[in-house]
Amino acid sequence: PGHRDFIKNMITGTSQADCAILVVASGVGEFEAGISKEGQTREHALLAFTLGVKQMIVAINKMDDSSVMYGQARYEEIKNEVTTYLKKVGYKPAKIPFVPISGWEGDNMIEKSGNMPWYKGPYLLEALDNLNAPKRPSDKPLRLPLQDVYKIGGIGTVPVGRVETGVIKPGMVATFGPVGLSTEVKSVEMHHESLPEAVPGDNVGFNVKNVSVKELRRGFVASDSKNDPAKGTQDFTAQVIVLNHPGQIGNGYSPVLDCHTAHV
């Protein structure tokens, strides 16, 4: 959790995540500010659950702080308070590892720390390795919400995003919703390597023919023109969760809608 001004970016990232690592500062005063009614720890945990991220790791950071000194008592105090809140949100805290770490000193990050012999659970990298890989729906029609669109010299227009469902491959004719623009996919890359195809969970960039960077933007959805292409709809049914709403909600109220990477 960071600054309130960047919640929009956090929502974009979280909507694509398989797991959330909730980083909690253990320093006296710092933790209390984050877990307070208006605090970022609460807001981020609630948003993660609301956006469908059901697996979580809590990293209790700054255990090296002079007000904490790698103490078990402070760790237990924070764990109990965060557990109570996560249960209210809808998580099952019994399945969540609470890992005491120091990002600055490296304690319990990639190997067990000697500074906290009282802690018997996994270190952070171990907790990540213990996660359950979600089912990847590669048999469904392609849906790839765009996170950004770049113009790359010598290559052209390159949209980037995470494949949510289906498969994208070179030679496919992609249709971008909601505008209905169609174009051929020339190549697909992940981490600067060319792919024969990308499947759900892959964060990829793909080069498209004869489309300028101005014609596409974050929030558009790439789909396969030959298999149930993405298109606009008149209405949809949704479950609505209201978080700390400051004003009145009535007829004609027009809220901001975040849907996958789109901010409407």
C-alpha atoms as a PDB file:
ATOM      1  CA  PRO A   1       0.000   0.000   0.000  1.00  0.00           C
ATOM      2  CA  GLY A   2       1.277   3.423  -0.955  1.00  0.00           C
ATOM      3  CA  HIS A   3      -0.238   6.793  -1.728  1.00  0.00           C
ATOM      4  CA  ARG A   4      -3.983   7.278  -2.186  1.00  0.00           C
ATOM      5  CA  ASP A   5      -3.385   9.110  -5.503  1.00  0.00           C
ATOM      6  CA  PHE A   6      -2.130   5.888  -7.091  1.00  0.00           C
ATOM      7  CA  ILE A   7      -5.126   3.679  -6.236  1.00  0.00           C
ATOM      8  CA  LYS A   8      -6.136   3.760  -9.924  1.00  0.00           C
ATOM      9  CA  ASN A   9      -2.815   2.152 -10.914  1.00  0.00           C
ATOM     10  CA  MET A  10      -3.123  -0.351  -8.070  1.00  0.00           C
ATOM     11  CA  ILE A  11      -6.559  -1.423  -9.362  1.00  0.00           C
ATOM     12  CA  THR A  12      -5.147  -1.941 -12.880  1.00  0.00           C
ATOM     13  CA  GLY A  13      -2.384  -4.187 -11.528  1.00  0.00           C
ATOM     14  CA  THR A  14      -4.517  -6.053  -9.006  1.00  0.00           C
ATOM     15  CA  SER A  15      -7.184  -6.890 -11.588  1.00  0.00           C
ATOM     16  CA  GLN A  16      -4.537  -9.010 -13.361  1.00  0.00           C
ATOM     17  CA  ALA A  17      -3.010 -10.711 -10.307  1.00  0.00           C
ATOM     18  CA  ASP A  18      -3.176 -14.360  -9.184  1.00  0.00           C
ATOM     19  CA  CYS A  19      -2.056 -13.507  -5.642  1.00  0.00           C
ATOM     20  CA  ALA A  20      -1.705 -10.392  -3.493  1.00  0.00           C
ATOM     21  CA  ILE A  21       1.274  -9.712  -1.249  1.00  0.00           C
ATOM     22  CA  LEU A  22      -0.009  -7.275   1.358  1.00  0.00           C
ATOM     23  CA  VAL A  23       3.054  -5.444   2.689  1.00  0.00           C
ATOM     24  CA  VAL A  24       2.473  -4.078   6.195  1.00  0.00           C
ATOM     25  CA  ALA A  25       4.980  -1.765   7.890  1.00  0.00           C
ATOM     26  CA  SER A  26       5.645  -2.923  11.460  1.00  0.00           C
ATOM     27  CA  GLY A  27       7.101   0.350  12.800  1.00  0.00           C
ATOM     28  CA  VAL A  28       5.239   1.857  15.754  1.00  0.00           C
ATOM     29  CA  GLY A  29       2.796   4.430  14.328  1.00  0.00           C
ATOM     30  CA  GLU A  30       3.267   3.227  10.741  1.00  0.00           C
ATOM     31  CA  PHE A  31       1.210   0.053  11.114  1.00  0.00           C
ATOM     32  CA  GLU A  32      -1.463   1.902  13.085  1.00  0.00           C
ATOM     33  CA  ALA A  33      -1.815   4.528  10.306  1.00  0.00           C
ATOM     34  CA  GLY A  34      -2.222   1.840   7.632  1.00  0.00           C
ATOM     35  CA  ILE A  35      -4.828  -0.200   9.519  1.00  0.00           C
ATOM     36  CA  SER A  36      -6.857   2.837  10.662  1.00  0.00           C
ATOM     37  CA  LYS A  37     -10.353   3.403   9.226  1.00  0.00           C
ATOM     38  CA  GLU A  38      -9.063   5.518   6.320  1.00  0.00           C
ATOM     39  CA  GLY A  39      -5.800   3.557   6.047  1.00  0.00           C
ATOM     40  CA  GLN A  40      -4.249   2.146   2.889  1.00  0.00           C
ATOM     41  CA  THR A  41      -3.781  -1.361   4.334  1.00  0.00           C
ATOM     42  CA  ARG A  42      -7.552  -1.717   4.721  1.00  0.00           C
ATOM     43  CA  GLU A  43      -8.337  -0.221   1.317  1.00  0.00           C
ATOM     44  CA  HIS A  44      -5.847  -2.394  -0.581  1.00  0.00           C
ATOM     45  CA  ALA A  45      -6.957  -5.614   1.128  1.00  0.00           C
ATOM     46  CA  LEU A  46     -10.616  -4.878   0.387  1.00  0.00           C
ATOM     47  CA  LEU A  47      -9.898  -3.946  -3.243  1.00  0.00           C
ATOM     48  CA  ALA A  48      -7.815  -7.105  -3.766  1.00  0.00           C
ATOM     49  CA  PHE A  49     -10.683  -9.309  -2.536  1.00  0.00           C
ATOM     50  CA  THR A  50     -13.279  -7.325  -4.503  1.00  0.00           C
ATOM     51  CA  LEU A  51     -11.197  -7.675  -7.683  1.00  0.00           C
ATOM     52  CA  GLY A  52     -11.177 -11.468  -7.296  1.00  0.00           C
ATOM     53  CA  VAL A  53      -7.682 -12.047  -5.889  1.00  0.00           C
ATOM     54  CA  LYS A  54      -8.388 -14.901  -3.495  1.00  0.00           C
ATOM     55  CA  GLN A  55      -4.816 -15.927  -2.579  1.00  0.00           C
ATOM     56  CA  MET A  56      -2.837 -13.670  -0.277  1.00  0.00           C
ATOM     57  CA  ILE A  57       0.488 -13.468   1.544  1.00  0.00           C
ATOM     58  CA  VAL A  58       0.960 -10.874   4.288  1.00  0.00           C
ATOM     59  CA  ALA A  59       4.538  -9.587   4.524  1.00  0.00           C
ATOM     60  CA  ILE A  60       5.147  -7.825   7.851  1.00  0.00           C
ATOM     61  CA  ASN A  61       7.997  -5.525   6.817  1.00  0.00           C
ATOM     62  CA  LYS A  62      10.591  -3.376   8.627  1.00  0.00           C
ATOM     63  CA  MET A  63      11.131  -5.950  11.366  1.00  0.00           C
ATOM     64  CA  ASP A  64      14.615  -4.379  11.691  1.00  0.00           C
ATOM     65  CA  ASP A  65      13.060  -1.039  12.771  1.00  0.00           C
ATOM     66  CA  SER A  66      14.387   0.332  16.069  1.00  0.00           C
ATOM     67  CA  SER A  67      10.842   0.260  17.513  1.00  0.00           C
ATOM     68  CA  VAL A  68      10.473  -3.457  16.645  1.00  0.00           C
ATOM     69  CA  MET A  69      13.959  -5.041  16.864  1.00  0.00           C
ATOM     70  CA  TYR A  70      12.785  -8.325  15.284  1.00  0.00           C
ATOM     71  CA  GLY A  71      10.377  -8.787  18.214  1.00  0.00           C
ATOM     72  CA  GLN A  72       7.831 -11.597  18.251  1.00  0.00           C
ATOM     73  CA  ALA A  73       5.375  -9.605  20.394  1.00  0.00           C
ATOM     74  CA  ARG A  74       5.000  -6.872  17.746  1.00  0.00           C
ATOM     75  CA  TYR A  75       4.668  -9.517  14.997  1.00  0.00           C
ATOM     76  CA  GLU A  76       1.861 -11.288  16.909  1.00  0.00           C
ATOM     77  CA  GLU A  77       0.090  -7.976  17.625  1.00  0.00           C
ATOM     78  CA  ILE A  78       0.090  -7.041  13.919  1.00  0.00           C
ATOM     79  CA  LYS A  79      -0.861 -10.545  12.792  1.00  0.00           C
ATOM     80  CA  ASN A  80      -3.879 -10.597  15.136  1.00  0.00           C
ATOM     81  CA  GLU A  81      -5.137  -7.195  14.015  1.00  0.00           C
ATOM     82  CA  VAL A  82      -4.681  -7.876  10.288  1.00  0.00           C
ATOM     83  CA  THR A  83      -6.279 -11.335  10.702  1.00  0.00           C
ATOM     84  CA  THR A  84      -9.404  -9.765  12.229  1.00  0.00           C
ATOM     85  CA  TYR A  85      -9.733  -7.321   9.331  1.00  0.00           C
ATOM     86  CA  LEU A  86      -9.035  -9.872   6.567  1.00  0.00           C
ATOM     87  CA  LYS A  87     -11.715 -12.149   8.024  1.00  0.00           C
ATOM     88  CA  LYS A  88     -14.229  -9.269   7.801  1.00  0.00           C
ATOM     89  CA  VAL A  89     -13.256  -8.683   4.159  1.00  0.00           C
ATOM     90  CA  GLY A  90     -13.888 -12.344   3.264  1.00  0.00           C
ATOM     91  CA  TYR A  91     -10.430 -13.934   3.276  1.00  0.00           C
ATOM     92  CA  LYS A  92      -9.626 -17.123   5.201  1.00  0.00           C
ATOM     93  CA  PRO A  93      -6.667 -16.036   7.381  1.00  0.00           C
ATOM     94  CA  ALA A  94      -5.874 -19.650   8.353  1.00  0.00           C
ATOM     95  CA  LYS A  95      -4.701 -20.156   4.743  1.00  0.00           C
ATOM     96  CA  ILE A  96      -2.638 -16.934   4.650  1.00  0.00           C
ATOM     97  CA  PRO A  97       1.065 -16.994   5.599  1.00  0.00           C
ATOM     98  CA  PHE A  98       2.158 -13.991   7.694  1.00  0.00           C
ATOM     99  CA  VAL A  99       5.877 -13.592   6.948  1.00  0.00           C
ATOM    100  CA  PRO A 100       8.019 -11.249   9.098  1.00  0.00           C
ATOM    101  CA  ILE A 101      10.563  -9.619   6.758  1.00  0.00           C
ATOM    102  CA  SER A 102      13.001  -6.777   6.361  1.00  0.00           C
ATOM    103  CA  GLY A 103      13.187  -5.589   2.770  1.00  0.00           C
ATOM    104  CA  TRP A 104      16.126  -3.347   3.700  1.00  0.00           C
ATOM    105  CA  GLU A 105      18.205  -6.042   5.430  1.00  0.00           C
ATOM    106  CA  GLY A 106      16.874  -8.970   3.382  1.00  0.00           C
ATOM    107  CA  ASP A 107      15.533 -10.986   6.352  1.00  0.00           C
ATOM    108  CA  ASN A 108      13.181 -13.842   5.344  1.00  0.00           C
ATOM    109  CA  MET A 109      13.084 -12.676   1.725  1.00  0.00           C
ATOM    110  CA  ILE A 110      14.914 -15.401  -0.225  1.00  0.00           C
ATOM    111  CA  GLU A 111      16.173 -17.481   2.703  1.00  0.00           C
ATOM    112  CA  LYS A 112      15.383 -18.035   6.377  1.00  0.00           C
ATOM    113  CA  SER A 113      16.594 -15.264   8.681  1.00  0.00           C
ATOM    114  CA  GLY A 114      18.722 -15.965  11.744  1.00  0.00           C
ATOM    115  CA  ASN A 115      17.336 -12.826  13.414  1.00  0.00           C
ATOM    116  CA  MET A 116      13.899 -14.335  14.068  1.00  0.00           C
ATOM    117  CA  PRO A 117      14.413 -17.912  15.343  1.00  0.00           C
ATOM    118  CA  TRP A 118      10.931 -17.769  16.914  1.00  0.00           C
ATOM    119  CA  TYR A 119       9.312 -17.722  13.427  1.00  0.00           C
ATOM    120  CA  LYS A 120       8.735 -21.240  12.070  1.00  0.00           C
ATOM    121  CA  GLY A 121       6.805 -20.475   8.854  1.00  0.00           C
ATOM    122  CA  PRO A 122       8.008 -20.073   5.254  1.00  0.00           C
ATOM    123  CA  TYR A 123      10.205 -17.198   4.077  1.00  0.00           C
ATOM    124  CA  LEU A 124       8.690 -14.952   1.373  1.00  0.00           C
ATOM    125  CA  LEU A 125      10.020 -16.737  -1.720  1.00  0.00           C
ATOM    126  CA  GLU A 126       8.978 -20.085  -0.214  1.00  0.00           C
ATOM    127  CA  ALA A 127       5.454 -18.744   0.451  1.00  0.00           C
ATOM    128  CA  LEU A 128       5.233 -17.670  -3.210  1.00  0.00           C
ATOM    129  CA  ASP A 129       6.365 -21.123  -4.368  1.00  0.00           C
ATOM    130  CA  ASN A 130       3.650 -22.709  -2.176  1.00  0.00           C
ATOM    131  CA  LEU A 131       0.801 -20.880  -3.958  1.00  0.00           C
ATOM    132  CA  ASN A 132      -1.745 -22.828  -5.996  1.00  0.00           C
ATOM    133  CA  ALA A 133      -1.523 -22.096  -9.717  1.00  0.00           C
ATOM    134  CA  PRO A 134      -5.015 -21.092 -10.899  1.00  0.00           C
ATOM    135  CA  LYS A 135      -6.751 -22.863 -13.781  1.00  0.00           C
ATOM    136  CA  ARG A 136      -5.858 -21.156 -17.057  1.00  0.00           C
ATOM    137  CA  PRO A 137      -8.952 -20.957 -19.324  1.00  0.00           C
ATOM    138  CA  SER A 138      -7.164 -21.328 -22.697  1.00  0.00           C
ATOM    139  CA  ASP A 139     -10.214 -23.069 -24.227  1.00  0.00           C
ATOM    140  CA  LYS A 140     -12.423 -19.947 -23.946  1.00  0.00           C
ATOM    141  CA  PRO A 141     -12.567 -17.144 -26.575  1.00  0.00           C
ATOM    142  CA  LEU A 142      -9.603 -14.736 -26.451  1.00  0.00           C
ATOM    143  CA  ARG A 143      -9.895 -11.778 -24.072  1.00  0.00           C
ATOM    144  CA  LEU A 144      -6.812  -9.607 -23.549  1.00  0.00           C
ATOM    145  CA  PRO A 145      -7.445  -6.249 -21.804  1.00  0.00           C
ATOM    146  CA  LEU A 146      -4.832  -3.716 -22.949  1.00  0.00           C
ATOM    147  CA  GLN A 147      -2.689  -2.229 -20.210  1.00  0.00           C
ATOM    148  CA  ASP A 148      -0.793   0.160 -22.504  1.00  0.00           C
ATOM    149  CA  VAL A 149      -0.011   0.810 -26.160  1.00  0.00           C
ATOM    150  CA  TYR A 150       3.493   1.700 -27.342  1.00  0.00           C
ATOM    151  CA  LYS A 151       5.004   2.949 -30.591  1.00  0.00           C
ATOM    152  CA  ILE A 152       8.334   1.175 -31.050  1.00  0.00           C
ATOM    153  CA  GLY A 153      10.767   2.394 -33.716  1.00  0.00           C
ATOM    154  CA  GLY A 154      11.295  -0.077 -36.546  1.00  0.00           C
ATOM    155  CA  ILE A 155       8.441  -2.283 -35.306  1.00  0.00           C
ATOM    156  CA  GLY A 156       5.319  -0.118 -35.103  1.00  0.00           C
ATOM    157  CA  THR A 157       2.313  -0.240 -32.779  1.00  0.00           C
ATOM    158  CA  VAL A 158       2.652  -2.661 -29.857  1.00  0.00           C
ATOM    159  CA  PRO A 159      -0.288  -3.129 -27.434  1.00  0.00           C
ATOM    160  CA  VAL A 160       0.622  -4.871 -24.158  1.00  0.00           C
ATOM    161  CA  GLY A 161      -1.489  -6.705 -21.591  1.00  0.00           C
ATOM    162  CA  ARG A 162      -2.213  -9.986 -19.873  1.00  0.00           C
ATOM    163  CA  VAL A 163      -4.093 -12.784 -21.592  1.00  0.00           C
ATOM    164  CA  GLU A 164      -7.164 -13.471 -19.409  1.00  0.00           C
ATOM    165  CA  THR A 165      -8.789 -16.203 -21.516  1.00  0.00           C
ATOM    166  CA  GLY A 166      -8.065 -17.927 -24.814  1.00  0.00           C
ATOM    167  CA  VAL A 167      -4.912 -17.848 -26.941  1.00  0.00           C
ATOM    168  CA  ILE A 168      -3.261 -15.143 -29.081  1.00  0.00           C
ATOM    169  CA  LYS A 169      -0.827 -16.054 -31.871  1.00  0.00           C
ATOM    170  CA  PRO A 170       0.837 -14.481 -34.921  1.00  0.00           C
ATOM    171  CA  GLY A 171      -1.335 -14.499 -38.049  1.00  0.00           C
ATOM    172  CA  MET A 172      -4.573 -14.167 -36.065  1.00  0.00           C
ATOM    173  CA  VAL A 173      -6.908 -11.296 -36.971  1.00  0.00           C
ATOM    174  CA  ALA A 174      -7.583  -9.483 -33.678  1.00  0.00           C
ATOM    175  CA  THR A 175     -10.676  -7.376 -33.008  1.00  0.00           C
ATOM    176  CA  PHE A 176     -10.446  -4.641 -30.374  1.00  0.00           C
ATOM    177  CA  GLY A 177     -13.579  -3.900 -28.333  1.00  0.00           C
ATOM    178  CA  PRO A 178     -15.455  -1.685 -27.846  1.00  0.00           C
ATOM    179  CA  VAL A 179     -14.530   0.084 -31.132  1.00  0.00           C
ATOM    180  CA  GLY A 180     -14.624  -3.021 -33.353  1.00  0.00           C
ATOM    181  CA  LEU A 181     -11.267  -2.302 -35.013  1.00  0.00           C
ATOM    182  CA  SER A 182      -9.738  -5.431 -36.643  1.00  0.00           C
ATOM    183  CA  THR A 183      -6.136  -6.037 -37.709  1.00  0.00           C
ATOM    184  CA  GLU A 184      -3.619  -8.847 -38.151  1.00  0.00           C
ATOM    185  CA  VAL A 185      -1.284  -9.816 -35.297  1.00  0.00           C
ATOM    186  CA  LYS A 186       2.245  -9.841 -36.757  1.00  0.00           C
ATOM    187  CA  SER A 187       4.172 -11.157 -33.744  1.00  0.00           C
ATOM    188  CA  VAL A 188       3.756 -11.926 -30.028  1.00  0.00           C
ATOM    189  CA  GLU A 189       6.560 -11.376 -27.488  1.00  0.00           C
ATOM    190  CA  MET A 190       7.107 -11.986 -23.783  1.00  0.00           C
ATOM    191  CA  HIS A 191      10.286 -10.765 -22.037  1.00  0.00           C
ATOM    192  CA  HIS A 192      11.814  -9.910 -25.468  1.00  0.00           C
ATOM    193  CA  GLU A 193      11.307 -13.471 -26.735  1.00  0.00           C
ATOM    194  CA  SER A 194       9.085 -14.340 -29.686  1.00  0.00           C
ATOM    195  CA  LEU A 195       6.225 -16.738 -28.869  1.00  0.00           C
ATOM    196  CA  PRO A 196       4.314 -19.123 -31.175  1.00  0.00           C
ATOM    197  CA  GLU A 197       1.296 -18.416 -28.925  1.00  0.00           C
ATOM    198  CA  ALA A 198       0.449 -16.777 -25.588  1.00  0.00           C
ATOM    199  CA  VAL A 199      -1.933 -18.347 -23.061  1.00  0.00           C
ATOM    200  CA  PRO A 200      -3.852 -17.061 -19.994  1.00  0.00           C
ATOM    201  CA  GLY A 201      -1.531 -15.564 -17.382  1.00  0.00           C
ATOM    202  CA  ASP A 202       1.070 -14.416 -19.933  1.00  0.00           C
ATOM    203  CA  ASN A 203       1.948 -10.699 -19.948  1.00  0.00           C
ATOM    204  CA  VAL A 204       2.719 -10.012 -23.587  1.00  0.00           C
ATOM    205  CA  GLY A 205       3.307  -7.363 -26.201  1.00  0.00           C
ATOM    206  CA  PHE A 206       2.041  -7.966 -29.734  1.00  0.00           C
ATOM    207  CA  ASN A 207       2.712  -6.071 -32.941  1.00  0.00           C
ATOM    208  CA  VAL A 208      -0.334  -5.166 -35.070  1.00  0.00           C
ATOM    209  CA  LYS A 209      -0.518  -4.127 -38.738  1.00  0.00           C
ATOM    210  CA  ASN A 210      -1.667  -0.750 -40.084  1.00  0.00           C
ATOM    211  CA  VAL A 211      -2.952   0.618 -36.764  1.00  0.00           C
ATOM    212  CA  SER A 212      -1.642   3.845 -35.245  1.00  0.00           C
ATOM    213  CA  VAL A 213      -0.929   4.129 -31.534  1.00  0.00           C
ATOM    214  CA  LYS A 214      -3.698   6.783 -31.303  1.00  0.00           C
ATOM    215  CA  GLU A 215      -6.390   4.289 -32.359  1.00  0.00           C
ATOM    216  CA  LEU A 216      -5.904   2.016 -29.327  1.00  0.00           C
ATOM    217  CA  ARG A 217      -5.779   2.744 -25.607  1.00  0.00           C
ATOM    218  CA  ARG A 218      -5.711   1.186 -22.150  1.00  0.00           C
ATOM    219  CA  GLY A 219      -8.981  -0.576 -21.376  1.00  0.00           C
ATOM    220  CA  PHE A 220      -9.660  -1.810 -24.915  1.00  0.00           C
ATOM    221  CA  VAL A 221      -9.998  -5.605 -25.151  1.00  0.00           C
ATOM    222  CA  ALA A 222      -8.281  -7.699 -27.833  1.00  0.00           C
ATOM    223  CA  SER A 223     -10.192 -10.754 -29.074  1.00  0.00           C
ATOM    224  CA  ASP A 224     -10.191 -13.243 -31.963  1.00  0.00           C
ATOM    225  CA  SER A 225     -12.269 -11.901 -34.882  1.00  0.00           C
ATOM    226  CA  LYS A 226     -13.301 -15.488 -35.771  1.00  0.00           C
ATOM    227  CA  ASN A 227     -14.294 -16.669 -32.272  1.00  0.00           C
ATOM    228  CA  ASP A 228     -16.865 -14.574 -30.359  1.00  0.00           C
ATOM    229  CA  PRO A 229     -15.089 -11.192 -30.731  1.00  0.00           C
ATOM    230  CA  ALA A 230     -15.430  -8.658 -27.891  1.00  0.00           C
ATOM    231  CA  LYS A 231     -18.103  -6.039 -28.457  1.00  0.00           C
ATOM    232  CA  GLY A 232     -20.068  -3.414 -26.572  1.00  0.00           C
ATOM    233  CA  THR A 233     -23.249  -4.190 -24.655  1.00  0.00           C
ATOM    234  CA  GLN A 234     -26.296  -2.163 -23.639  1.00  0.00           C
ATOM    235  CA  ASP A 235     -26.375  -3.402 -20.044  1.00  0.00           C
ATOM    236  CA  PHE A 236     -24.977  -5.994 -17.672  1.00  0.00           C
ATOM    237  CA  THR A 237     -25.758  -7.329 -14.204  1.00  0.00           C
ATOM    238  CA  ALA A 238     -23.183  -6.666 -11.480  1.00  0.00           C
ATOM    239  CA  GLN A 239     -22.621  -7.196  -7.788  1.00  0.00           C
ATOM    240  CA  VAL A 240     -21.844  -3.759  -6.322  1.00  0.00           C
ATOM    241  CA  ILE A 241     -19.760  -3.235  -3.196  1.00  0.00           C
ATOM    242  CA  VAL A 242     -19.711   0.334  -1.839  1.00  0.00           C
ATOM    243  CA  LEU A 243     -16.487   1.377  -0.080  1.00  0.00           C
ATOM    244  CA  ASN A 244     -16.577   4.417   2.222  1.00  0.00           C
ATOM    245  CA  HIS A 245     -18.748   6.429  -0.150  1.00  0.00           C
ATOM    246  CA  PRO A 246     -18.571  10.136   0.755  1.00  0.00           C
ATOM    247  CA  GLY A 247     -21.858  11.340  -0.770  1.00  0.00           C
ATOM    248  CA  GLN A 248     -25.373  10.272  -1.656  1.00  0.00           C
ATOM    249  CA  ILE A 249     -26.228   7.610  -4.219  1.00  0.00           C
ATOM    250  CA  GLY A 250     -29.521   8.118  -6.033  1.00  0.00           C
ATOM    251  CA  ASN A 251     -31.175   8.162  -9.463  1.00  0.00           C
ATOM    252  CA  GLY A 252     -28.894   9.649 -12.100  1.00  0.00           C
ATOM    253  CA  TYR A 253     -25.736   9.080 -10.059  1.00  0.00           C
ATOM    254  CA  SER A 254     -22.799   8.500 -12.433  1.00  0.00           C
ATOM    255  CA  PRO A 255     -19.878   6.689 -10.770  1.00  0.00           C
ATOM    256  CA  VAL A 256     -16.385   5.967 -12.096  1.00  0.00           C
ATOM    257  CA  LEU A 257     -16.198   2.351 -13.283  1.00  0.00           C
ATOM    258  CA  ASP A 258     -12.998   0.299 -13.260  1.00  0.00           C
ATOM    259  CA  CYS A 259     -13.419  -2.836 -15.383  1.00  0.00           C
ATOM    260  CA  HIS A 260     -10.278  -4.958 -15.967  1.00  0.00           C
ATOM    261  CA  THR A 261      -7.803  -2.244 -17.151  1.00  0.00           C
ATOM    262  CA  ALA A 262     -10.485   0.244 -18.245  1.00  0.00           C
ATOM    263  CA  HIS A 263     -11.212   3.373 -16.181  1.00  0.00           C
ATOM    264  CA  VAL A 264     -14.579   4.739 -17.347  1.00  0.00           C
END
